[in-house]
Structure formats: C-alpha cells, structure tokens
Amino acid sequence: MKGTSMSAPLSSTKNEEKLDLEIQKLELEAESLRKKNKWDIRAQFMPPIITMFLGVVGLYITLNQYSGQRKTEQDRTISEQRKDRQNSEVDQRSRLQNQIRSDIDEILRFPRDERQTVSRVSFLLEDIKTVLDSTTYVNEKKQRIADTFPDYKRRLTQSLVILITNDCDFTRNARDVGLTNTVIRHWDDYADYLKTDPKNLDWIRNEYIMALESFRNANPGYLEEIELRDDGVRPGPKYAKQKNEPMLYARFIDILDGFKWHMDLSPENLSDQNKNRSERLLKQFLDTLNNTALSNYIVCQNFPDQPCPNNR
C-alpha cells in the first residue's frame, strides 16, 4: 500500500509536464500558423499592390515623357512660327522696297520717256506716300515703312530736284513744267527741301520765267492781248476763236501756278538779300508778260504780300 501511494504523485507530475510540453508545442504551432498565415495574406495581396504601383510609376513616366515631348514640339512650333514671321517680315519689306524702287525709276524716266504722263507721275508719288505710311513688323514690333527706311523720302526728294534742274527743259517741253508742278503739289518734302536750298530754288524759279518768255515768243501777242473782264481773264480777239486757245491758256496757267508755288517757298525770316532777289524775280516774271493790267491782276490775286496796284 505504501509503494502504491508514492508512485501516484510521480505519475501526476509527469503528466503535468507532458501536458505543459503539449501546450507549448501547440502554442508554437499556433504561432507558426499565425506567422505563416500573415505571410500568406501578404503574399496574396502583394502582387496586385506591386502591379498597381508599377502601373502608377509607368503612368507617371509616360506622362512625364509625353509632357516633355509636347513641350519640345511646342517649342519647335513656336520657333518655326517665329522664323516664318521673320521671313514674312523680310519678304514684305522687300516687296515694299521693290515697289518704291520701281515707282521711283518710272518717275525718273519721265523726261526721256514721251509715253509718260503727268497724271502717271502724280499717281506714282501718291503710291510711294501710301507705301511709306503703311506698316510692317520689325522684330515682331509694328513700325511704319517710313521709320524703317528713314532716308527714302529725302533721297527721293534730292533725286527729284536733280531731275528737274538737270534733265528738264521748261522752254522746250511743256511736260517738264507739268512734272515740276506735280512734284510740288504731291510731294511735301520737295517744298521743305527747297526752303533750305535757295540756289536750286532760284534756278527753278528762273526756269519758269524762261518758260514764260519762250511761250510769249512762240505765240506773239497772246499775253499782251489778254483782257481783264468782270467775269475773269479772256484771250484777245486774235486768239479767241483759235481752236488751240484753251491749250495755250492751260499752258500759261501751268507756268503761272508753278512760278507762284515756288515763290511761296521763301522762308518766313528772309534776309534782305534773299528778299531783294525774290522781288527781282517777281518783277522779271511780270515784265515778261508785257501786259500791265494782267501783271497787276496777277499780283493782287497771287501775291498777297505785295502791294496791290490799280488794275484799271
């Protein structure tokens, strides 16, 4: 009986130890299962996450590349457009320059080209003014052609003065008088220039006097017989019924108008020497008329700075 009672506690202790071991084993297995399940869960969701991440990265890279390519294309397009505009600006200026040169060349051929007309010269001068007043773009900035080529106007003026003083003959060609009258009426810089060039101004004034003298010699008595009536100036009896009388009168008026317009170019503050020279030229013109009544009428009508004599 005594031996049996001692073995019982030992057996119980071993069972407890065995149970503890089993419990520890179960806990280890449970822990292992938990870790395994955790990694299984992660492994289950990782591929989609990685795929999505890679997709986002790929999309970002694609968008970034697209944005870079688009910016490059935009820069190239802007550069090409700028070059096109610059080329267009150059082409436009070149066309306008060529147009001005063509107009000037045609005007300068006038004395040698009998086919040229005074009305054509008038049109060409107005065309040049229109071109110079037009606008173009220089370095993408709007600018008048006259400002782009500031020397064109004065160079043309100087060429016109040379043309009139060197190539025109007022005594032989009525066309040359008409040309000069057209220039002074349709090219403002011509008048401004002659105000600073008294030598050429007086030369042109004297050409009108010589033209009047040549006209008087070619048509004896025409100027001397012109009559003043209440309704204006009328030709004398000798020429009144001639078919060419309107042409003669137009020729006389061209000479008179041109002379007057050039006399009006005297600067406001004339020196005594220049004033005396202008008065001398006017007296010479009036003496050439050889018609006192007509001379007085012309002075009163066309030269208000001169004392008006009695016409009758």
Protein backbone atom coordinates (compact mmCIF):
# COMPACT_ATOMS: atom_id res chain seq x y z
CA MET A 1 0.00 0.00 0.00
CA LYS A 2 2.78 2.34 0.82
CA GLY A 3 4.59 1.70 -2.51
CA THR A 4 1.44 2.46 -4.44
CA SER A 5 0.87 5.83 -2.78
CA MET A 6 4.36 7.17 -3.70
CA SER A 7 4.19 6.34 -7.40
CA ALA A 8 0.93 8.19 -7.87
CA PRO A 9 2.33 11.71 -7.35
CA LEU A 10 5.24 10.99 -9.66
CA SER A 11 2.90 9.90 -12.37
CA SER A 12 0.82 13.01 -11.90
CA THR A 13 3.85 15.23 -12.16
CA LYS A 14 4.98 13.59 -15.38
CA ASN A 15 1.52 14.04 -16.83
CA GLU A 16 1.58 17.69 -15.97
CA GLU A 17 4.98 18.14 -17.56
CA LYS A 18 3.82 16.26 -20.58
CA LEU A 19 0.74 18.46 -20.74
CA ASP A 20 2.86 21.57 -20.48
CA LEU A 21 5.00 20.35 -23.28
CA GLU A 22 1.98 19.63 -25.38
CA ILE A 23 0.61 23.11 -24.63
CA GLN A 24 3.93 24.72 -25.55
CA LYS A 25 4.02 22.67 -28.70
CA LEU A 26 0.52 23.77 -29.56
CA GLU A 27 1.39 27.38 -28.84
CA LEU A 28 4.48 27.13 -31.05
CA GLU A 29 2.40 25.54 -33.78
CA ALA A 30 -0.25 28.22 -33.36
CA GLU A 31 2.43 30.95 -33.51
CA SER A 32 3.91 29.31 -36.54
CA LEU A 33 0.50 29.13 -38.15
CA ARG A 34 -0.15 32.77 -37.36
CA LYS A 35 3.16 33.84 -38.95
CA LYS A 36 2.51 31.59 -41.91
CA ASN A 37 -0.99 32.94 -42.36
CA LYS A 38 0.35 36.52 -42.09
CA TRP A 39 2.85 35.94 -44.86
CA ASP A 40 0.26 34.05 -46.89
CA ILE A 41 -2.07 37.05 -46.62
CA ARG A 42 0.75 39.40 -47.59
CA ALA A 43 1.77 37.16 -50.43
CA GLN A 44 -1.84 37.12 -51.58
CA PHE A 45 -2.16 40.94 -51.74
CA MET A 46 1.40 41.87 -52.68
CA PRO A 47 1.21 41.06 -56.44
CA PRO A 48 -1.79 43.34 -57.07
CA ILE A 49 -0.20 46.08 -54.98
CA ILE A 50 3.11 45.74 -56.77
CA THR A 51 1.30 45.64 -60.12
CA MET A 52 -0.67 48.76 -59.25
CA PHE A 53 2.48 50.53 -58.03
CA LEU A 54 4.34 49.63 -61.17
CA GLY A 55 1.36 50.82 -63.21
CA VAL A 56 1.34 54.17 -61.39
CA VAL A 57 5.09 54.53 -61.88
CA GLY A 58 4.75 53.60 -65.53
CA LEU A 59 1.90 56.09 -66.00
CA TYR A 60 3.96 58.82 -64.32
CA ILE A 61 6.92 58.08 -66.55
CA THR A 62 4.67 58.03 -69.65
CA LEU A 63 3.00 61.32 -68.69
CA ASN A 64 6.36 62.89 -67.94
CA GLN A 65 7.74 61.75 -71.31
CA TYR A 66 4.59 62.97 -73.09
CA SER A 67 4.81 66.32 -71.33
CA GLY A 68 8.47 66.64 -72.32
CA GLN A 69 7.74 65.69 -75.93
CA ARG A 70 4.78 68.08 -76.04
CA LYS A 71 6.91 70.93 -74.67
CA THR A 72 9.62 70.13 -77.23
CA GLU A 73 7.04 70.14 -80.02
CA GLN A 74 5.54 73.39 -78.75
CA ASP A 75 9.00 74.99 -78.57
CA ARG A 76 9.75 73.77 -82.09
CA THR A 77 6.38 75.04 -83.34
CA ILE A 78 6.93 78.44 -81.69
CA SER A 79 10.43 78.62 -83.15
CA GLU A 80 9.15 77.74 -86.62
CA GLN A 81 6.33 80.27 -86.33
CA ARG A 82 8.82 82.93 -85.26
CA LYS A 83 11.04 82.11 -88.21
CA ASP A 84 8.01 82.19 -90.53
CA ARG A 85 7.01 85.60 -89.17
CA GLN A 86 10.55 86.90 -89.56
CA ASN A 87 10.72 85.58 -93.12
CA SER A 88 7.31 87.09 -93.82
CA GLU A 89 8.50 90.44 -92.41
CA VAL A 90 11.59 90.34 -94.60
CA ASP A 91 9.52 89.39 -97.66
CA GLN A 92 7.02 92.17 -97.02
CA ARG A 93 9.75 94.80 -96.57
CA SER A 94 11.47 93.51 -99.68
CA ARG A 95 8.26 93.76 -101.71
CA LEU A 96 7.62 97.29 -100.48
CA GLN A 97 11.20 98.32 -101.21
CA ASN A 98 10.93 96.92 -104.71
CA GLN A 99 7.64 98.71 -105.23
CA ILE A 100 9.17 102.04 -104.15
CA ARG A 101 12.22 101.49 -106.35
CA SER A 102 10.01 100.64 -109.32
CA ASP A 103 7.91 103.79 -108.80
CA ILE A 104 10.99 105.98 -108.45
CA ASP A 105 12.65 104.51 -111.54
CA GLU A 106 9.49 105.18 -113.55
CA ILE A 107 9.33 108.79 -112.35
CA LEU A 108 12.98 109.41 -113.13
CA ARG A 109 12.47 108.19 -116.71
CA PHE A 110 9.86 110.90 -117.33
CA PRO A 111 12.00 113.42 -119.30
CA ARG A 112 13.26 110.69 -121.65
CA ASP A 113 10.04 108.72 -121.98
CA GLU A 114 7.48 110.59 -124.05
CA ARG A 115 4.87 107.96 -123.19
CA GLN A 116 4.92 109.04 -119.56
CA THR A 117 2.14 111.40 -118.47
CA VAL A 118 1.95 113.93 -115.68
CA SER A 119 -1.05 112.12 -114.22
CA ARG A 120 1.03 108.95 -114.05
CA VAL A 121 3.72 110.77 -112.06
CA SER A 122 1.05 112.08 -109.73
CA PHE A 123 -0.23 108.55 -109.16
CA LEU A 124 3.27 107.19 -108.54
CA LEU A 125 4.09 109.89 -105.97
CA GLU A 126 0.86 109.20 -104.12
CA ASP A 127 1.59 105.47 -104.29
CA ILE A 128 5.03 105.99 -102.74
CA LYS A 129 3.49 108.06 -99.94
CA THR A 130 0.96 105.29 -99.28
CA VAL A 131 3.71 102.69 -99.10
CA LEU A 132 5.83 104.82 -96.75
CA ASP A 133 2.82 105.40 -94.49
CA SER A 134 1.95 101.70 -94.40
CA THR A 135 3.10 99.50 -91.53
CA THR A 136 5.15 96.35 -91.26
CA TYR A 137 6.64 94.29 -88.45
CA VAL A 138 10.30 94.60 -87.49
CA ASN A 139 11.38 92.12 -84.82
CA GLU A 140 7.68 91.47 -84.17
CA LYS A 141 7.06 95.18 -83.49
CA LYS A 142 4.72 97.23 -85.66
CA GLN A 143 6.51 100.04 -87.49
CA ARG A 144 5.87 102.46 -90.35
CA ILE A 145 7.84 101.85 -93.52
CA ALA A 146 8.96 105.49 -93.42
CA ASP A 147 10.50 104.82 -89.99
CA THR A 148 12.02 101.53 -91.15
CA PHE A 149 13.71 103.30 -94.07
CA PRO A 150 14.06 106.88 -92.81
CA ASP A 151 16.31 108.04 -95.67
CA TYR A 152 13.99 107.06 -98.51
CA LYS A 153 11.87 110.22 -98.55
CA ARG A 154 14.74 112.70 -98.55
CA ARG A 155 16.76 110.69 -101.07
CA LEU A 156 13.78 110.70 -103.43
CA THR A 157 13.38 114.45 -102.90
CA GLN A 158 17.01 115.07 -103.78
CA SER A 159 16.63 112.87 -106.87
CA LEU A 160 13.57 114.86 -107.94
CA VAL A 161 15.41 118.17 -107.55
CA ILE A 162 18.30 116.82 -109.62
CA LEU A 163 15.83 115.54 -112.22
CA ILE A 164 14.15 118.95 -112.51
CA THR A 165 17.31 121.05 -112.52
CA ASN A 166 19.44 118.78 -114.74
CA ASP A 167 17.11 116.85 -117.02
CA CYS A 168 14.12 119.12 -117.54
CA ASP A 169 13.86 121.94 -120.08
CA PHE A 170 10.94 124.25 -119.36
CA THR A 171 11.43 126.24 -122.57
CA ARG A 172 11.10 123.25 -124.90
CA ASN A 173 8.82 120.82 -123.13
CA ALA A 174 5.54 121.79 -121.54
CA ARG A 175 5.59 118.31 -119.94
CA ASP A 176 8.55 119.34 -117.82
CA VAL A 177 6.61 122.26 -116.36
CA GLY A 178 3.74 119.89 -115.62
CA LEU A 179 6.14 117.43 -113.97
CA THR A 180 7.56 120.10 -111.66
CA ASN A 181 4.10 121.36 -110.76
CA THR A 182 3.03 117.80 -109.95
CA VAL A 183 6.06 117.24 -107.72
CA ILE A 184 5.47 120.39 -105.67
CA ARG A 185 1.78 119.56 -105.26
CA HIS A 186 2.14 115.87 -104.45
CA TRP A 187 5.46 115.56 -102.62
CA ASP A 188 5.60 117.67 -99.46
CA ASP A 189 9.27 117.07 -98.73
CA TYR A 190 10.18 118.73 -102.02
CA ALA A 191 8.95 122.08 -100.71
CA ASP A 192 10.64 121.55 -97.32
CA TYR A 193 13.91 120.72 -99.02
CA LEU A 194 13.92 123.71 -101.40
CA LYS A 195 13.38 126.07 -98.47
CA THR A 196 16.85 125.03 -97.34
CA ASP A 197 18.36 125.12 -100.84
CA PRO A 198 17.95 128.70 -102.15
CA LYS A 199 20.32 128.12 -105.06
CA ASN A 200 18.21 125.39 -106.69
CA LEU A 201 15.01 127.18 -105.70
CA ASP A 202 16.04 130.32 -107.55
CA TRP A 203 17.20 128.23 -110.52
CA ILE A 204 13.74 126.63 -110.81
CA ARG A 205 12.01 129.99 -110.42
CA ASN A 206 14.13 131.35 -113.22
CA GLU A 207 13.18 128.35 -115.38
CA TYR A 208 9.54 129.40 -115.10
CA ILE A 209 10.48 132.91 -116.23
CA MET A 210 12.34 131.50 -119.21
CA ALA A 211 9.38 129.22 -119.97
CA LEU A 212 7.07 132.25 -119.96
CA GLU A 213 9.41 134.15 -122.28
CA SER A 214 9.59 131.19 -124.64
CA PHE A 215 5.79 130.90 -124.58
CA ARG A 216 5.41 134.62 -125.40
CA ASN A 217 7.87 134.36 -128.30
CA ALA A 218 6.14 131.27 -129.70
CA ASN A 219 2.72 132.93 -129.50
CA PRO A 220 3.19 136.61 -130.41
CA GLY A 221 0.61 138.92 -128.89
CA TYR A 222 -1.16 136.25 -126.82
CA LEU A 223 -0.03 137.53 -123.43
CA GLU A 224 -0.12 141.18 -124.47
CA GLU A 225 -3.72 140.94 -125.70
CA ILE A 226 -5.22 139.10 -122.73
CA GLU A 227 -8.12 141.18 -121.43
CA LEU A 228 -9.48 141.54 -117.90
CA ARG A 229 -13.26 141.48 -117.68
CA ASP A 230 -15.75 141.32 -114.87
CA ASP A 231 -16.12 137.56 -115.39
CA GLY A 232 -12.36 136.93 -115.45
CA VAL A 233 -9.46 136.75 -117.89
CA ARG A 234 -10.23 136.40 -121.59
CA PRO A 235 -7.96 136.00 -124.65
CA GLY A 236 -7.60 138.84 -127.08
CA PRO A 237 -9.52 138.92 -130.39
CA LYS A 238 -6.63 137.38 -132.35
CA TYR A 239 -6.64 134.15 -130.37
CA ALA A 240 -10.22 134.00 -129.07
CA LYS A 241 -11.51 131.93 -131.99
CA GLN A 242 -8.49 129.69 -132.48
CA LYS A 243 -9.02 126.00 -131.72
CA ASN A 244 -5.80 125.74 -129.76
CA GLU A 245 -6.59 128.71 -127.49
CA PRO A 246 -7.70 126.53 -124.49
CA MET A 247 -4.40 124.67 -124.77
CA LEU A 248 -2.47 127.95 -124.84
CA TYR A 249 -4.34 129.24 -121.83
CA ALA A 250 -3.71 125.98 -119.92
CA ARG A 251 -0.02 126.26 -120.76
CA PHE A 252 0.10 129.84 -119.47
CA ILE A 253 -1.71 128.89 -116.25
CA ASP A 254 0.71 125.99 -115.66
CA ILE A 255 3.65 128.39 -115.87
CA LEU A 256 1.93 130.96 -113.65
CA ASP A 257 0.88 128.43 -110.99
CA GLY A 258 4.28 126.76 -110.87
CA PHE A 259 6.05 130.08 -110.51
CA LYS A 260 3.70 131.20 -107.75
CA TRP A 261 4.03 127.92 -105.79
CA HIS A 262 7.82 128.16 -105.90
CA MET A 263 7.73 131.82 -104.89
CA ASP A 264 5.70 130.78 -101.84
CA LEU A 265 8.58 128.58 -100.64
CA SER A 266 10.57 131.52 -99.31
CA PRO A 267 11.33 131.11 -95.60
CA GLU A 268 9.42 133.40 -93.25
CA ASN A 269 12.52 135.19 -91.97
CA LEU A 270 14.14 136.24 -95.23
CA SER A 271 17.41 138.11 -95.24
CA ASP A 272 17.39 141.40 -97.09
CA GLN A 273 19.48 139.83 -99.83
CA ASN A 274 17.08 136.92 -100.34
CA LYS A 275 14.09 139.25 -100.15
CA ASN A 276 15.54 141.51 -102.81
CA ARG A 277 16.32 138.51 -105.00
CA SER A 278 12.72 137.23 -104.72
CA GLU A 279 11.31 140.66 -105.56
CA ARG A 280 13.65 140.89 -108.53
CA LEU A 281 12.49 137.50 -109.85
CA LEU A 282 8.83 138.50 -109.45
CA LYS A 283 9.44 141.77 -111.31
CA GLN A 284 11.21 139.87 -114.09
CA PHE A 285 8.26 137.48 -114.42
CA LEU A 286 5.75 140.35 -114.58
CA ASP A 287 7.86 142.28 -117.09
CA THR A 288 7.93 139.21 -119.32
CA LEU A 289 4.12 139.33 -119.53
CA ASN A 290 4.33 142.76 -121.15
CA ASN A 291 0.76 143.39 -120.04
CA THR A 292 0.40 145.88 -117.20
CA ALA A 293 -3.24 145.13 -116.42
CA LEU A 294 -2.58 141.41 -116.36
CA SER A 295 0.55 141.89 -114.21
CA ASN A 296 -1.37 143.94 -111.66
CA TYR A 297 -4.17 141.37 -111.62
CA ILE A 298 -1.69 138.53 -111.00
CA VAL A 299 -0.01 140.40 -108.16
CA CYS A 300 -3.33 141.11 -106.45
CA GLN A 301 -4.63 137.56 -106.88
CA ASN A 302 -1.49 135.52 -106.25
CA PHE A 303 0.98 137.54 -104.18
CA PRO A 304 -0.84 138.99 -101.16
CA ASP A 305 2.43 140.08 -99.52
CA GLN A 306 2.98 142.51 -102.40
CA PRO A 307 1.14 145.85 -102.70
CA CYS A 308 -1.85 145.51 -105.00
CA PRO A 309 -1.72 148.07 -107.86
CA ASN A 310 -4.80 149.52 -109.55
CA ASN A 311 -5.82 147.17 -112.33
CA ARG A 312 -7.60 149.73 -114.40
